[in-house]
């Protein structure tokens, strides 16, 4: 009897151990299955996918990780994002330190900045920054009372595209400067000199290209005629004839001037000769006039 009891106890222990092994095996199999988590309700907008916000309704927050006000807003913004799917609104965020192009495209001057977008029409949110205020703003459509951003300054306009490119260029220059000063060990003034030379060279190249384009689009009138080179020999011959005629006229004018000078010289010589003779002297002429006037007076008295 004792042996039978021991045998039953051993069998029971073996069965328990077997059940435990099966349970652990099933548990490990379930542990290896993929866990389908709830999709992220807060979307990230970048330079690559920003055009998605032009359709549908969006609430977008522009923030920076180092901004204290942005850090305080994050809990309320995440809670608001959990309601986005139920309200049919896309809740998104933009890190301006990683997306400088979007910072320039939306002219972000303060952080955090929140925009509401409805089918490509943007409005800047100016209300309180709590979850309930965000929900009320969207649910009661308070955004209709806010003046939308002008089309001239819309993120898809030509002006804002240029602004975005400028911000990207500035960030690229900043990264190059940091690389040269931190990785290559170039001093700050050396980096500034390099950028100055690059700017000067690029300006010269751009100016040369513009000159070529202007000369191609607006050629000189002298060479714009297709038969210019055909008429060129005749033009040269006519110019030669005109030059000869001008030379003859100039020679004639010089001869006339010489003749006039000779006549003036002859008159001067004649006058000098008259002044040199006794009759041509001024004293003799004056004396004769006085004598003549006296004779005329005497004749009048006699009559």
Protein backbone atom coordinates (compact mmCIF):
# COMPACT_ATOMS: atom_id res chain seq x y z
CA UNK A 1 0.00 0.00 0.00
CA UNK A 2 2.80 2.36 0.84
CA UNK A 3 4.46 1.73 -2.51
CA UNK A 4 1.20 2.36 -4.33
CA UNK A 5 0.73 5.67 -2.52
CA UNK A 6 4.24 6.76 -3.39
CA UNK A 7 3.64 5.78 -7.00
CA UNK A 8 0.43 7.84 -7.15
CA UNK A 9 2.18 10.82 -5.60
CA UNK A 10 4.98 10.62 -8.14
CA UNK A 11 2.52 10.39 -11.01
CA UNK A 12 0.61 13.41 -9.70
CA UNK A 13 3.79 15.43 -9.42
CA UNK A 14 4.78 14.42 -12.93
CA UNK A 15 1.39 15.49 -14.29
CA UNK A 16 1.63 18.85 -12.55
CA UNK A 17 5.10 19.36 -13.94
CA UNK A 18 3.87 18.43 -17.40
CA UNK A 19 0.96 20.88 -17.20
CA UNK A 20 3.32 23.60 -15.97
CA UNK A 21 5.67 22.99 -18.91
CA UNK A 22 2.78 23.15 -21.37
CA UNK A 23 1.57 26.38 -19.77
CA UNK A 24 5.03 27.95 -19.97
CA UNK A 25 5.35 26.85 -23.61
CA UNK A 26 2.02 28.45 -24.53
CA UNK A 27 2.94 31.60 -22.63
CA UNK A 28 6.24 31.93 -24.47
CA UNK A 29 4.49 31.45 -27.81
CA UNK A 30 2.03 34.25 -27.07
CA UNK A 31 4.87 36.43 -25.89
CA UNK A 32 6.55 36.16 -29.28
CA UNK A 33 3.40 37.23 -31.16
CA UNK A 34 3.40 40.88 -32.41
CA UNK A 35 1.56 43.31 -30.20
CA UNK A 36 -0.66 45.67 -32.20
CA UNK A 37 -0.38 48.97 -30.39
CA UNK A 38 -2.63 51.90 -30.94
CA UNK A 39 -1.37 54.00 -33.84
CA UNK A 40 0.28 57.29 -33.00
CA UNK A 41 -2.38 60.01 -33.10
CA UNK A 42 0.14 62.88 -33.15
CA UNK A 43 1.63 63.19 -36.63
CA UNK A 44 5.00 64.64 -37.59
CA UNK A 45 5.11 67.14 -40.48
CA UNK A 46 8.37 67.55 -42.41
CA UNK A 47 9.61 69.28 -45.55
CA UNK A 48 8.95 66.06 -47.44
CA UNK A 49 5.26 65.60 -46.54
CA UNK A 50 4.05 69.10 -45.63
CA UNK A 51 1.78 69.28 -48.70
CA UNK A 52 -0.52 66.73 -47.03
CA UNK A 53 -1.84 69.49 -44.77
CA UNK A 54 -3.29 71.31 -47.80
CA UNK A 55 -6.25 68.92 -47.77
CA UNK A 56 -8.54 68.21 -44.83
CA UNK A 57 -8.58 69.87 -41.43
CA UNK A 58 -5.41 70.20 -39.38
CA UNK A 59 -4.12 71.66 -36.14
CA UNK A 60 -0.34 72.10 -36.31
CA UNK A 61 2.05 73.04 -33.52
CA UNK A 62 5.48 74.52 -34.27
CA UNK A 63 7.86 73.88 -31.39
CA UNK A 64 11.49 73.46 -30.41
CA UNK A 65 12.81 70.90 -27.89
CA UNK A 66 14.72 73.57 -25.94
CA UNK A 67 11.69 75.89 -25.58
CA UNK A 68 10.23 75.86 -21.99
CA UNK A 69 6.79 77.02 -23.16
CA UNK A 70 6.73 74.23 -25.74
CA UNK A 71 7.61 71.68 -23.08
CA UNK A 72 4.71 72.87 -20.91
CA UNK A 73 2.32 72.59 -23.85
CA UNK A 74 3.24 69.00 -24.81
CA UNK A 75 0.96 67.15 -22.29
CA UNK A 76 -2.14 69.14 -23.31
CA UNK A 77 -1.28 68.80 -26.99
CA UNK A 78 -0.91 65.00 -26.72
CA UNK A 79 -4.26 64.72 -24.92
CA UNK A 80 -5.83 66.86 -27.63
CA UNK A 81 -4.30 64.59 -30.29
CA UNK A 82 -6.11 61.57 -28.80
CA UNK A 83 -9.41 63.26 -29.70
CA UNK A 84 -8.34 64.10 -33.22
CA UNK A 85 -9.55 60.89 -34.85
CA UNK A 86 -12.99 61.14 -33.22
CA UNK A 87 -13.38 64.76 -34.35
CA UNK A 88 -12.04 64.17 -37.86
CA UNK A 89 -9.09 66.51 -37.32
CA UNK A 90 -5.43 65.74 -37.95
CA UNK A 91 -3.20 66.84 -35.06
CA UNK A 92 0.43 67.41 -36.02
CA UNK A 93 3.65 68.97 -34.80
CA UNK A 94 6.73 70.48 -36.47
CA UNK A 95 10.19 70.63 -34.93
CA UNK A 96 11.61 73.90 -36.28
CA UNK A 97 15.17 72.88 -35.38
CA UNK A 98 14.91 69.92 -37.75
CA UNK A 99 12.66 71.56 -40.37
CA UNK A 100 14.02 75.07 -41.03
CA UNK A 101 12.25 75.19 -44.40
CA UNK A 102 8.84 74.96 -42.74
CA UNK A 103 9.89 77.57 -40.20
CA UNK A 104 10.54 80.01 -43.03
CA UNK A 105 7.50 78.91 -45.03
CA UNK A 106 5.15 79.74 -42.13
CA UNK A 107 7.21 82.73 -40.84
CA UNK A 108 7.56 81.37 -37.31
CA UNK A 109 8.70 84.25 -35.09
CA UNK A 110 7.67 82.89 -31.67
CA UNK A 111 7.36 79.48 -30.02
CA UNK A 112 5.12 77.66 -29.68
CA UNK A 113 3.01 78.71 -32.68
CA UNK A 114 -0.22 76.91 -33.60
CA UNK A 115 -1.94 77.02 -36.98
CA UNK A 116 -5.37 75.78 -38.01
CA UNK A 117 -5.71 74.65 -41.62
CA UNK A 118 -8.91 73.84 -43.47
CA UNK A 119 -8.54 72.76 -47.11
CA UNK A 120 -5.41 74.84 -47.64
CA UNK A 121 -6.67 77.97 -45.81
CA UNK A 122 -4.47 78.79 -42.82
CA UNK A 123 -5.40 80.67 -39.65
CA UNK A 124 -3.20 81.40 -36.68
CA UNK A 125 -4.53 80.16 -33.33
CA UNK A 126 -4.51 82.89 -30.67
CA UNK A 127 -6.56 81.31 -27.84
CA UNK A 128 -5.68 79.60 -24.57
CA UNK A 129 -3.47 76.54 -24.75
CA UNK A 130 -5.46 73.85 -22.97
CA UNK A 131 -7.05 70.66 -24.24
CA UNK A 132 -10.61 71.92 -23.69
CA UNK A 133 -9.88 75.19 -25.51
CA UNK A 134 -8.46 73.28 -28.48
CA UNK A 135 -11.52 71.00 -28.57
CA UNK A 136 -13.91 73.95 -28.38
CA UNK A 137 -12.02 75.83 -31.09
CA UNK A 138 -12.45 72.93 -33.51
CA UNK A 139 -15.85 71.59 -32.43
CA UNK A 140 -17.60 74.97 -32.40
CA UNK A 141 -15.70 76.14 -35.50
CA UNK A 142 -14.40 79.26 -33.82
CA UNK A 143 -11.72 79.37 -36.48
CA UNK A 144 -14.28 80.92 -38.84
CA UNK A 145 -14.09 84.17 -36.86
CA UNK A 146 -10.32 84.42 -37.42
CA UNK A 147 -9.00 86.20 -40.50
CA UNK A 148 -7.13 83.74 -42.74
CA UNK A 149 -3.56 84.22 -43.87
CA UNK A 150 -3.28 86.19 -47.12
CA UNK A 151 -2.63 84.17 -50.26
CA UNK A 152 0.55 86.21 -50.78
CA UNK A 153 1.93 84.82 -47.52
CA UNK A 154 0.42 81.36 -47.79
CA UNK A 155 2.87 78.47 -47.38
CA UNK A 156 2.37 77.39 -51.00
CA UNK A 157 2.93 80.85 -52.52
CA UNK A 158 6.02 81.78 -54.53
CA UNK A 159 7.16 84.22 -51.85
CA UNK A 160 7.04 81.61 -49.10
CA UNK A 161 8.76 79.05 -51.33
CA UNK A 162 11.62 81.52 -51.72
CA UNK A 163 11.61 82.16 -47.97
CA UNK A 164 11.77 78.43 -47.30
CA UNK A 165 14.74 78.05 -49.64
CA UNK A 166 16.47 80.95 -47.89
CA UNK A 167 16.00 79.35 -44.47
CA UNK A 168 17.32 76.03 -45.77
CA UNK A 169 20.36 77.79 -47.20
CA UNK A 170 21.02 79.57 -43.91
CA UNK A 171 20.81 76.29 -42.01
CA UNK A 172 23.16 74.64 -44.52
CA UNK A 173 25.68 77.46 -44.09
CA UNK A 174 25.43 77.16 -40.32
CA UNK A 175 26.10 73.42 -40.47
CA UNK A 176 29.08 73.98 -42.76
CA UNK A 177 30.42 76.60 -40.36
CA UNK A 178 30.06 74.24 -37.40
CA UNK A 179 31.74 71.43 -39.33
CA UNK A 180 34.71 73.58 -40.30
CA UNK A 181 35.19 75.04 -36.82
CA UNK A 182 34.48 71.91 -34.76
CA UNK A 183 35.63 69.03 -36.97
CA UNK A 184 38.37 70.62 -39.07
CA UNK A 185 39.62 73.03 -36.41
CA UNK A 186 39.40 76.13 -38.63
CA UNK A 187 39.08 79.39 -36.61
CA UNK A 188 35.93 81.46 -36.89
CA UNK A 189 37.59 84.22 -38.90
CA UNK A 190 38.91 81.62 -41.35
CA UNK A 191 35.40 80.27 -41.86
CA UNK A 192 34.10 83.80 -42.48
CA UNK A 193 36.85 84.44 -45.05
CA UNK A 194 35.99 81.22 -46.88
CA UNK A 195 32.30 82.11 -47.03
CA UNK A 196 33.17 85.64 -48.18
CA UNK A 197 35.31 84.34 -51.05
CA UNK A 198 32.62 81.86 -52.05
CA UNK A 199 30.02 84.65 -52.04
CA UNK A 200 32.26 86.89 -54.17
CA UNK A 201 33.00 84.15 -56.68
CA UNK A 202 29.36 83.08 -56.95
CA UNK A 203 28.35 86.73 -57.49
CA UNK A 204 30.86 87.11 -60.33
CA UNK A 205 29.68 83.90 -61.98
CA UNK A 206 26.03 84.90 -61.62
CA UNK A 207 26.72 88.35 -63.07
CA UNK A 208 28.54 86.83 -66.04
CA UNK A 209 25.64 84.46 -66.68
CA UNK A 210 23.16 87.35 -66.54
CA UNK A 211 25.25 89.33 -69.04
CA UNK A 212 25.28 86.40 -71.46
CA UNK A 213 21.54 85.92 -71.08
CA UNK A 214 20.85 89.63 -71.63
CA UNK A 215 23.09 89.69 -74.71
CA UNK A 216 21.34 86.62 -76.10
CA UNK A 217 17.80 87.84 -75.41
CA UNK A 218 18.41 91.50 -76.32
CA UNK A 219 21.20 91.53 -78.94
CA UNK A 220 22.78 94.76 -80.15
CA UNK A 221 20.87 96.49 -82.98
CA UNK A 222 24.04 96.79 -84.99
CA UNK A 223 24.40 93.04 -85.31
CA UNK A 224 20.73 92.08 -85.09
CA UNK A 225 20.10 92.46 -88.87
CA UNK A 226 20.69 89.17 -90.75
CA UNK A 227 22.19 90.94 -93.79
CA UNK A 228 24.53 93.11 -91.75
CA UNK A 229 27.64 91.30 -92.92
CA UNK A 230 26.40 91.41 -96.53
CA UNK A 231 26.01 95.18 -96.40
CA UNK A 232 29.26 95.71 -94.53
CA UNK A 233 31.52 96.14 -97.68
CA UNK A 234 29.11 98.69 -99.17
CA UNK A 235 28.93 100.47 -95.85
CA UNK A 236 32.71 100.63 -95.65
CA UNK A 237 32.91 102.07 -99.20
CA UNK A 238 30.28 104.72 -98.46
CA UNK A 239 32.09 105.61 -95.26
CA UNK A 240 35.33 106.01 -97.21
CA UNK A 241 33.65 108.34 -99.72
CA UNK A 242 32.07 110.34 -96.91
CA UNK A 243 35.43 110.59 -95.20
CA UNK A 244 37.04 111.90 -98.39
CA UNK A 245 34.29 114.49 -98.86
CA UNK A 246 34.69 115.62 -95.28
CA UNK A 247 38.44 115.91 -95.84
CA UNK A 248 37.90 118.04 -98.99
CA UNK A 249 35.47 120.29 -97.16
CA UNK A 250 37.93 120.67 -94.33
CA UNK A 251 40.69 121.58 -96.82
CA UNK A 252 38.40 124.15 -98.48
CA UNK A 253 37.57 125.71 -95.14
CA UNK A 254 41.27 125.91 -94.31
CA UNK A 255 41.99 127.62 -97.66
CA UNK A 256 39.19 130.14 -97.05
CA UNK A 257 40.58 130.85 -93.63
CA UNK A 258 44.06 131.34 -95.13
CA UNK A 259 42.66 133.76 -97.74
CA UNK A 260 40.86 135.74 -95.07
CA UNK A 261 44.01 135.89 -93.02
CA UNK A 262 45.96 137.11 -96.07
CA UNK A 263 43.37 139.82 -96.78
CA UNK A 264 43.47 140.91 -93.16
CA UNK A 265 47.24 140.99 -93.35
CA UNK A 266 47.16 143.12 -96.54
CA UNK A 267 44.78 145.59 -94.93
CA UNK A 268 47.00 145.81 -91.88
CA UNK A 269 50.06 146.41 -94.06
CA UNK A 270 48.25 149.11 -96.00
CA UNK A 271 47.13 150.83 -92.84
CA UNK A 272 50.62 150.63 -91.42
CA UNK A 273 52.04 152.15 -94.60
CA UNK A 274 49.52 154.96 -94.46
CA UNK A 275 50.39 155.61 -90.86
CA UNK A 276 54.07 155.68 -91.78
CA UNK A 277 53.58 158.42 -94.50
CA UNK A 278 53.25 162.08 -93.50
CA UNK A 279 49.74 162.26 -94.86
CA UNK A 280 48.68 159.17 -93.08
CA UNK A 281 49.80 160.36 -89.65
CA UNK A 282 47.01 161.24 -87.21
CA UNK A 283 48.48 164.73 -86.51
CA UNK A 284 48.38 165.74 -90.18
CA UNK A 285 44.84 164.48 -90.59
CA UNK A 286 43.69 166.44 -87.54
CA UNK A 287 45.48 169.61 -88.68
CA UNK A 288 43.87 169.43 -92.13
CA UNK A 289 40.41 169.05 -90.58
CA UNK A 290 40.97 172.12 -88.36
CA UNK A 291 42.19 174.23 -91.30
CA UNK A 292 39.27 173.14 -93.43
CA UNK A 293 36.76 174.01 -90.74
CA UNK A 294 38.28 177.50 -90.30
CA UNK A 295 38.11 178.16 -94.03
CA UNK A 296 34.47 177.19 -94.08
CA UNK A 297 33.72 179.58 -91.17
CA UNK A 298 35.47 182.47 -92.96
CA UNK A 299 33.51 181.81 -96.13
CA UNK A 300 30.28 181.92 -94.18
CA UNK A 301 31.22 185.26 -92.55
CA UNK A 302 32.06 186.79 -95.93
CA UNK A 303 28.72 185.78 -97.32
